[in-house]
Amino acid sequence: MERKLLTKKGKETYKKCGSSVETVFGIIKSAMRLDKFLLRGNDKCDSEWKMYCTAHNVLKLWRNGQKAKA
């Protein structure tokens, strides 16, 4: 795998992985510890998921603001 990543094609392919949405899901599942929904029903789970996504986005905005001040 390391040899493949050192090629030009491998570098281009690996660069695309950074813009993947999958990292957001990983962060929400591991850092925010959302391994299961606390509420029952599709509407409630949808609301809970939107709350976690909003918290993730607000945290990103806050961190970006902290960097701008420094």
PDB file of N, CA and C in Angstrom:
ATOM      1  N   MET A   1       0.829  -1.190   0.000  1.00  0.00           N
ATOM      2  CA  MET A   1       0.000   0.000   0.000  1.00  0.00           C
ATOM      3  C   MET A   1       0.872   1.251   0.000  1.00  0.00           C
ATOM      4  N   GLU A   2       1.920   1.236   0.779  1.00  0.00           N
ATOM      5  CA  GLU A   2       2.804   2.401   0.845  1.00  0.00           C
ATOM      6  C   GLU A   2       3.411   2.691  -0.523  1.00  0.00           C
ATOM      7  N   ARG A   3       3.799   1.642  -1.239  1.00  0.00           N
ATOM      8  CA  ARG A   3       4.376   1.809  -2.570  1.00  0.00           C
ATOM      9  C   ARG A   3       3.354   2.409  -3.530  1.00  0.00           C
ATOM     10  N   LYS A   4       2.094   1.971  -3.416  1.00  0.00           N
ATOM     11  CA  LYS A   4       1.048   2.514  -4.279  1.00  0.00           C
ATOM     12  C   LYS A   4       0.804   3.989  -3.996  1.00  0.00           C
ATOM     13  N   LEU A   5       0.855   4.376  -2.724  1.00  0.00           N
ATOM     14  CA  LEU A   5       0.601   5.772  -2.365  1.00  0.00           C
ATOM     15  C   LEU A   5       1.730   6.695  -2.811  1.00  0.00           C
ATOM     16  N   LEU A   6       2.896   6.168  -3.031  1.00  0.00           N
ATOM     17  CA  LEU A   6       4.020   6.994  -3.465  1.00  0.00           C
ATOM     18  C   LEU A   6       3.978   7.303  -4.961  1.00  0.00           C
ATOM     19  N   THR A   7       3.142   6.604  -5.724  1.00  0.00           N
ATOM     20  CA  THR A   7       3.022   6.896  -7.151  1.00  0.00           C
ATOM     21  C   THR A   7       2.173   8.136  -7.356  1.00  0.00           C
ATOM     22  N   LYS A   8       2.266   8.722  -8.551  1.00  0.00           N
ATOM     23  CA  LYS A   8       1.507   9.939  -8.850  1.00  0.00           C
ATOM     24  C   LYS A   8      -0.007   9.670  -8.780  1.00  0.00           C
ATOM     25  N   LYS A   9      -0.432   8.552  -9.376  1.00  0.00           N
ATOM     26  CA  LYS A   9      -1.857   8.199  -9.345  1.00  0.00           C
ATOM     27  C   LYS A   9      -2.329   7.943  -7.909  1.00  0.00           C
ATOM     28  N   GLY A  10      -1.489   7.287  -7.127  1.00  0.00           N
ATOM     29  CA  GLY A  10      -1.844   7.000  -5.741  1.00  0.00           C
ATOM     30  C   GLY A  10      -2.002   8.267  -4.914  1.00  0.00           C
ATOM     31  N   LYS A  11      -1.123   9.240  -5.143  1.00  0.00           N
ATOM     32  CA  LYS A  11      -1.218  10.515  -4.423  1.00  0.00           C
ATOM     33  C   LYS A  11      -2.497  11.259  -4.782  1.00  0.00           C
ATOM     34  N   GLU A  12      -2.854  11.247  -6.070  1.00  0.00           N
ATOM     35  CA  GLU A  12      -4.088  11.913  -6.508  1.00  0.00           C
ATOM     36  C   GLU A  12      -5.311  11.246  -5.902  1.00  0.00           C
ATOM     37  N   THR A  13      -5.302   9.923  -5.872  1.00  0.00           N
ATOM     38  CA  THR A  13      -6.431   9.189  -5.291  1.00  0.00           C
ATOM     39  C   THR A  13      -6.540   9.454  -3.794  1.00  0.00           C
ATOM     40  N   TYR A  14      -5.404   9.434  -3.101  1.00  0.00           N
ATOM     41  CA  TYR A  14      -5.417   9.639  -1.645  1.00  0.00           C
ATOM     42  C   TYR A  14      -5.834  11.059  -1.292  1.00  0.00           C
ATOM     43  N   LYS A  15      -5.508  12.019  -2.141  1.00  0.00           N
ATOM     44  CA  LYS A  15      -5.872  13.410  -1.894  1.00  0.00           C
ATOM     45  C   LYS A  15      -7.391  13.581  -1.875  1.00  0.00           C
ATOM     46  N   LYS A  16      -8.094  12.796  -2.680  1.00  0.00           N
ATOM     47  CA  LYS A  16      -9.551  12.869  -2.732  1.00  0.00           C
ATOM     48  C   LYS A  16     -10.200  12.377  -1.437  1.00  0.00           C
ATOM     49  N   CYS A  17      -9.508  11.526  -0.699  1.00  0.00           N
ATOM     50  CA  CYS A  17     -10.057  10.982   0.550  1.00  0.00           C
ATOM     51  C   CYS A  17     -10.215  12.062   1.613  1.00  0.00           C
ATOM     52  N   GLY A  18      -9.436  13.114   1.559  1.00  0.00           N
ATOM     53  CA  GLY A  18      -9.524  14.177   2.550  1.00  0.00           C
ATOM     54  C   GLY A  18     -10.819  14.952   2.493  1.00  0.00           C
ATOM     55  N   SER A  19     -11.435  14.999   1.319  1.00  0.00           N
ATOM     56  CA  SER A  19     -12.685  15.748   1.176  1.00  0.00           C
ATOM     57  C   SER A  19     -13.900  14.847   1.319  1.00  0.00           C
ATOM     58  N   SER A  20     -13.702  13.675   1.840  1.00  0.00           N
ATOM     59  CA  SER A  20     -14.777  12.710   1.989  1.00  0.00           C
ATOM     60  C   SER A  20     -15.690  13.080   3.147  1.00  0.00           C
ATOM     61  N   VAL A  21     -16.945  12.737   3.016  1.00  0.00           N
ATOM     62  CA  VAL A  21     -17.923  13.001   4.066  1.00  0.00           C
ATOM     63  C   VAL A  21     -17.795  11.987   5.194  1.00  0.00           C
ATOM     64  N   GLU A  22     -17.163  10.865   4.913  1.00  0.00           N
ATOM     65  CA  GLU A  22     -17.080   9.792   5.897  1.00  0.00           C
ATOM     66  C   GLU A  22     -16.389  10.222   7.186  1.00  0.00           C
ATOM     67  N   THR A  23     -15.499  11.190   7.118  1.00  0.00           N
ATOM     68  CA  THR A  23     -14.816  11.633   8.330  1.00  0.00           C
ATOM     69  C   THR A  23     -15.792  12.263   9.314  1.00  0.00           C
ATOM     70  N   VAL A  24     -16.790  12.958   8.794  1.00  0.00           N
ATOM     71  CA  VAL A  24     -17.800  13.571   9.668  1.00  0.00           C
ATOM     72  C   VAL A  24     -18.547  12.495  10.440  1.00  0.00           C
ATOM     73  N   PHE A  25     -18.930  11.433   9.761  1.00  0.00           N
ATOM     74  CA  PHE A  25     -19.627  10.343  10.434  1.00  0.00           C
ATOM     75  C   PHE A  25     -18.735   9.703  11.491  1.00  0.00           C
ATOM     76  N   GLY A  26     -17.471   9.530  11.174  1.00  0.00           N
ATOM     77  CA  GLY A  26     -16.540   8.960  12.137  1.00  0.00           C
ATOM     78  C   GLY A  26     -16.370   9.830  13.362  1.00  0.00           C
ATOM     79  N   ILE A  27     -16.279  11.141  13.158  1.00  0.00           N
ATOM     80  CA  ILE A  27     -16.140  12.074  14.283  1.00  0.00           C
ATOM     81  C   ILE A  27     -17.385  12.054  15.146  1.00  0.00           C
ATOM     82  N   ILE A  28     -18.540  12.098  14.507  1.00  0.00           N
ATOM     83  CA  ILE A  28     -19.792  12.105  15.276  1.00  0.00           C
ATOM     84  C   ILE A  28     -19.944  10.798  16.057  1.00  0.00           C
ATOM     85  N   LYS A  29     -19.580   9.678  15.438  1.00  0.00           N
ATOM     86  CA  LYS A  29     -19.726   8.394  16.119  1.00  0.00           C
ATOM     87  C   LYS A  29     -18.721   8.206  17.242  1.00  0.00           C
ATOM     88  N   SER A  30     -17.471   8.626  17.034  1.00  0.00           N
ATOM     89  CA  SER A  30     -16.459   8.348  18.047  1.00  0.00           C
ATOM     90  C   SER A  30     -16.298   9.490  19.047  1.00  0.00           C
ATOM     91  N   ALA A  31     -16.075  10.705  18.570  1.00  0.00           N
ATOM     92  CA  ALA A  31     -15.811  11.827  19.478  1.00  0.00           C
ATOM     93  C   ALA A  31     -17.057  12.230  20.258  1.00  0.00           C
ATOM     94  N   MET A  32     -18.219  12.216  19.585  1.00  0.00           N
ATOM     95  CA  MET A  32     -19.460  12.594  20.270  1.00  0.00           C
ATOM     96  C   MET A  32     -20.169  11.390  20.870  1.00  0.00           C
ATOM     97  N   ARG A  33     -19.577  10.224  20.668  1.00  0.00           N
ATOM     98  CA  ARG A  33     -20.084   8.960  21.231  1.00  0.00           C
ATOM     99  C   ARG A  33     -21.542   8.662  20.848  1.00  0.00           C
ATOM    100  N   LEU A  34     -21.851   8.892  19.577  1.00  0.00           N
ATOM    101  CA  LEU A  34     -23.189   8.545  19.094  1.00  0.00           C
ATOM    102  C   LEU A  34     -23.120   7.159  18.464  1.00  0.00           C
ATOM    103  N   ASP A  35     -23.198   6.136  19.295  1.00  0.00           N
ATOM    104  CA  ASP A  35     -23.182   4.790  18.760  1.00  0.00           C
ATOM    105  C   ASP A  35     -24.595   4.218  18.660  1.00  0.00           C
ATOM    106  N   LYS A  36     -25.546   4.891  19.279  1.00  0.00           N
ATOM    107  CA  LYS A  36     -26.951   4.523  19.109  1.00  0.00           C
ATOM    108  C   LYS A  36     -27.804   5.739  19.457  1.00  0.00           C
ATOM    109  N   PHE A  37     -28.982   5.781  18.891  1.00  0.00           N
ATOM    110  CA  PHE A  37     -29.892   6.886  19.172  1.00  0.00           C
ATOM    111  C   PHE A  37     -30.568   6.672  20.528  1.00  0.00           C
ATOM    112  N   LEU A  38     -30.812   7.746  21.215  1.00  0.00           N
ATOM    113  CA  LEU A  38     -31.423   7.664  22.537  1.00  0.00           C
ATOM    114  C   LEU A  38     -32.942   7.661  22.472  1.00  0.00           C
ATOM    115  N   LEU A  39     -33.496   8.197  21.378  1.00  0.00           N
ATOM    116  CA  LEU A  39     -34.938   8.288  21.233  1.00  0.00           C
ATOM    117  C   LEU A  39     -35.443   7.245  20.244  1.00  0.00           C
ATOM    118  N   ARG A  40     -36.738   6.962  20.287  1.00  0.00           N
ATOM    119  CA  ARG A  40     -37.333   5.964  19.399  1.00  0.00           C
ATOM    120  C   ARG A  40     -38.229   6.647  18.386  1.00  0.00           C
ATOM    121  N   GLY A  41     -38.285   6.081  17.192  1.00  0.00           N
ATOM    122  CA  GLY A  41     -39.130   6.614  16.127  1.00  0.00           C
ATOM    123  C   GLY A  41     -38.292   7.401  15.119  1.00  0.00           C
ATOM    124  N   ASN A  42     -38.717   7.347  13.858  1.00  0.00           N
ATOM    125  CA  ASN A  42     -37.952   8.000  12.800  1.00  0.00           C
ATOM    126  C   ASN A  42     -37.856   9.505  12.978  1.00  0.00           C
ATOM    127  N   ASP A  43     -38.957  10.144  13.326  1.00  0.00           N
ATOM    128  CA  ASP A  43     -38.937  11.602  13.484  1.00  0.00           C
ATOM    129  C   ASP A  43     -38.013  12.030  14.616  1.00  0.00           C
ATOM    130  N   LYS A  44     -38.062  11.324  15.721  1.00  0.00           N
ATOM    131  CA  LYS A  44     -37.212  11.667  16.863  1.00  0.00           C
ATOM    132  C   LYS A  44     -35.741  11.392  16.556  1.00  0.00           C
ATOM    133  N   CYS A  45     -35.467  10.272  15.897  1.00  0.00           N
ATOM    134  CA  CYS A  45     -34.076   9.969  15.521  1.00  0.00           C
ATOM    135  C   CYS A  45     -33.556  10.995  14.524  1.00  0.00           C
ATOM    136  N   ASP A  46     -34.406  11.419  13.598  1.00  0.00           N
ATOM    137  CA  ASP A  46     -34.007  12.447  12.635  1.00  0.00           C
ATOM    138  C   ASP A  46     -33.667  13.745  13.353  1.00  0.00           C
ATOM    139  N   SER A  47     -34.473  14.128  14.319  1.00  0.00           N
ATOM    140  CA  SER A  47     -34.198  15.335  15.098  1.00  0.00           C
ATOM    141  C   SER A  47     -32.906  15.204  15.897  1.00  0.00           C
ATOM    142  N   GLU A  48     -32.703  14.030  16.474  1.00  0.00           N
ATOM    143  CA  GLU A  48     -31.488  13.800  17.254  1.00  0.00           C
ATOM    144  C   GLU A  48     -30.250  13.871  16.348  1.00  0.00           C
ATOM    145  N   TRP A  49     -30.347  13.273  15.148  1.00  0.00           N
ATOM    146  CA  TRP A  49     -29.226  13.313  14.206  1.00  0.00           C
ATOM    147  C   TRP A  49     -28.926  14.754  13.792  1.00  0.00           C
ATOM    148  N   LYS A  50     -29.966  15.534  13.525  1.00  0.00           N
ATOM    149  CA  LYS A  50     -29.776  16.942  13.144  1.00  0.00           C
ATOM    150  C   LYS A  50     -29.136  17.731  14.290  1.00  0.00           C
ATOM    151  N   MET A  51     -29.480  17.398  15.514  1.00  0.00           N
ATOM    152  CA  MET A  51     -28.873  18.067  16.660  1.00  0.00           C
ATOM    153  C   MET A  51     -27.379  17.773  16.727  1.00  0.00           C
ATOM    154  N   TYR A  52     -26.991  16.510  16.520  1.00  0.00           N
ATOM    155  CA  TYR A  52     -25.578  16.141  16.520  1.00  0.00           C
ATOM    156  C   TYR A  52     -24.834  16.832  15.378  1.00  0.00           C
ATOM    157  N   CYS A  53     -25.449  16.887  14.202  1.00  0.00           N
ATOM    158  CA  CYS A  53     -24.810  17.553  13.058  1.00  0.00           C
ATOM    159  C   CYS A  53     -24.647  19.043  13.329  1.00  0.00           C
ATOM    160  N   THR A  54     -25.650  19.658  13.936  1.00  0.00           N
ATOM    161  CA  THR A  54     -25.561  21.077  14.280  1.00  0.00           C
ATOM    162  C   THR A  54     -24.447  21.302  15.298  1.00  0.00           C
ATOM    163  N   ALA A  55     -24.365  20.437  16.290  1.00  0.00           N
ATOM    164  CA  ALA A  55     -23.301  20.559  17.293  1.00  0.00           C
ATOM    165  C   ALA A  55     -21.932  20.412  16.642  1.00  0.00           C
ATOM    166  N   HIS A  56     -21.804  19.496  15.701  1.00  0.00           N
ATOM    167  CA  HIS A  56     -20.538  19.310  14.993  1.00  0.00           C
ATOM    168  C   HIS A  56     -20.161  20.570  14.215  1.00  0.00           C
ATOM    169  N   ASN A  57     -21.133  21.155  13.513  1.00  0.00           N
ATOM    170  CA  ASN A  57     -20.864  22.360  12.717  1.00  0.00           C
ATOM    171  C   ASN A  57     -20.543  23.564  13.598  1.00  0.00           C
ATOM    172  N   VAL A  58     -21.242  23.714  14.710  1.00  0.00           N
ATOM    173  CA  VAL A  58     -20.968  24.826  15.628  1.00  0.00           C
ATOM    174  C   VAL A  58     -19.574  24.679  16.228  1.00  0.00           C
ATOM    175  N   LEU A  59     -19.193  23.462  16.561  1.00  0.00           N
ATOM    176  CA  LEU A  59     -17.855  23.212  17.089  1.00  0.00           C
ATOM    177  C   LEU A  59     -16.784  23.577  16.055  1.00  0.00           C
ATOM    178  N   LYS A  60     -17.023  23.237  14.790  1.00  0.00           N
ATOM    179  CA  LYS A  60     -16.079  23.605  13.730  1.00  0.00           C
ATOM    180  C   LYS A  60     -15.976  25.123  13.593  1.00  0.00           C
ATOM    181  N   LEU A  61     -17.103  25.814  13.650  1.00  0.00           N
ATOM    182  CA  LEU A  61     -17.093  27.277  13.559  1.00  0.00           C
ATOM    183  C   LEU A  61     -16.363  27.895  14.747  1.00  0.00           C
ATOM    184  N   TRP A  62     -16.591  27.354  15.934  1.00  0.00           N
ATOM    185  CA  TRP A  62     -15.945  27.884  17.132  1.00  0.00           C
ATOM    186  C   TRP A  62     -14.432  27.694  17.049  1.00  0.00           C
ATOM    187  N   ARG A  63     -14.017  26.487  16.629  1.00  0.00           N
ATOM    188  CA  ARG A  63     -12.579  26.239  16.506  1.00  0.00           C
ATOM    189  C   ARG A  63     -11.946  27.143  15.462  1.00  0.00           C
ATOM    190  N   ASN A  64     -12.635  27.380  14.379  1.00  0.00           N
ATOM    191  CA  ASN A  64     -12.120  28.250  13.328  1.00  0.00           C
ATOM    192  C   ASN A  64     -12.013  29.682  13.845  1.00  0.00           C
ATOM    193  N   GLY A  65     -12.954  30.110  14.663  1.00  0.00           N
ATOM    194  CA  GLY A  65     -12.898  31.435  15.266  1.00  0.00           C
ATOM    195  C   GLY A  65     -11.751  31.577  16.246  1.00  0.00           C
ATOM    196  N   GLN A  66     -11.439  30.509  16.971  1.00  0.00           N
ATOM    197  CA  GLN A  66     -10.320  30.516  17.902  1.00  0.00           C
ATOM    198  C   GLN A  66      -8.996  30.677  17.165  1.00  0.00           C
ATOM    199  N   LYS A  67      -8.874  30.057  15.999  1.00  0.00           N
ATOM    200  CA  LYS A  67      -7.657  30.164  15.208  1.00  0.00           C
ATOM    201  C   LYS A  67      -7.492  31.583  14.663  1.00  0.00           C
ATOM    202  N   ALA A  68      -8.610  32.229  14.305  1.00  0.00           N
ATOM    203  CA  ALA A  68      -8.561  33.576  13.743  1.00  0.00           C
ATOM    204  C   ALA A  68      -8.106  34.595  14.793  1.00  0.00           C
ATOM    205  N   LYS A  69      -8.467  34.358  16.054  1.00  0.00           N
ATOM    206  CA  LYS A  69      -8.082  35.276  17.126  1.00  0.00           C
ATOM    207  C   LYS A  69      -6.597  35.177  17.469  1.00  0.00           C
ATOM    208  N   ALA A  70      -6.049  33.990  17.322  1.00  0.00           N
ATOM    209  CA  ALA A  70      -4.653  33.743  17.705  1.00  0.00           C
ATOM    210  C   ALA A  70      -3.657  34.316  16.725  1.00  0.00           C
TER     211      ALA A  70
END
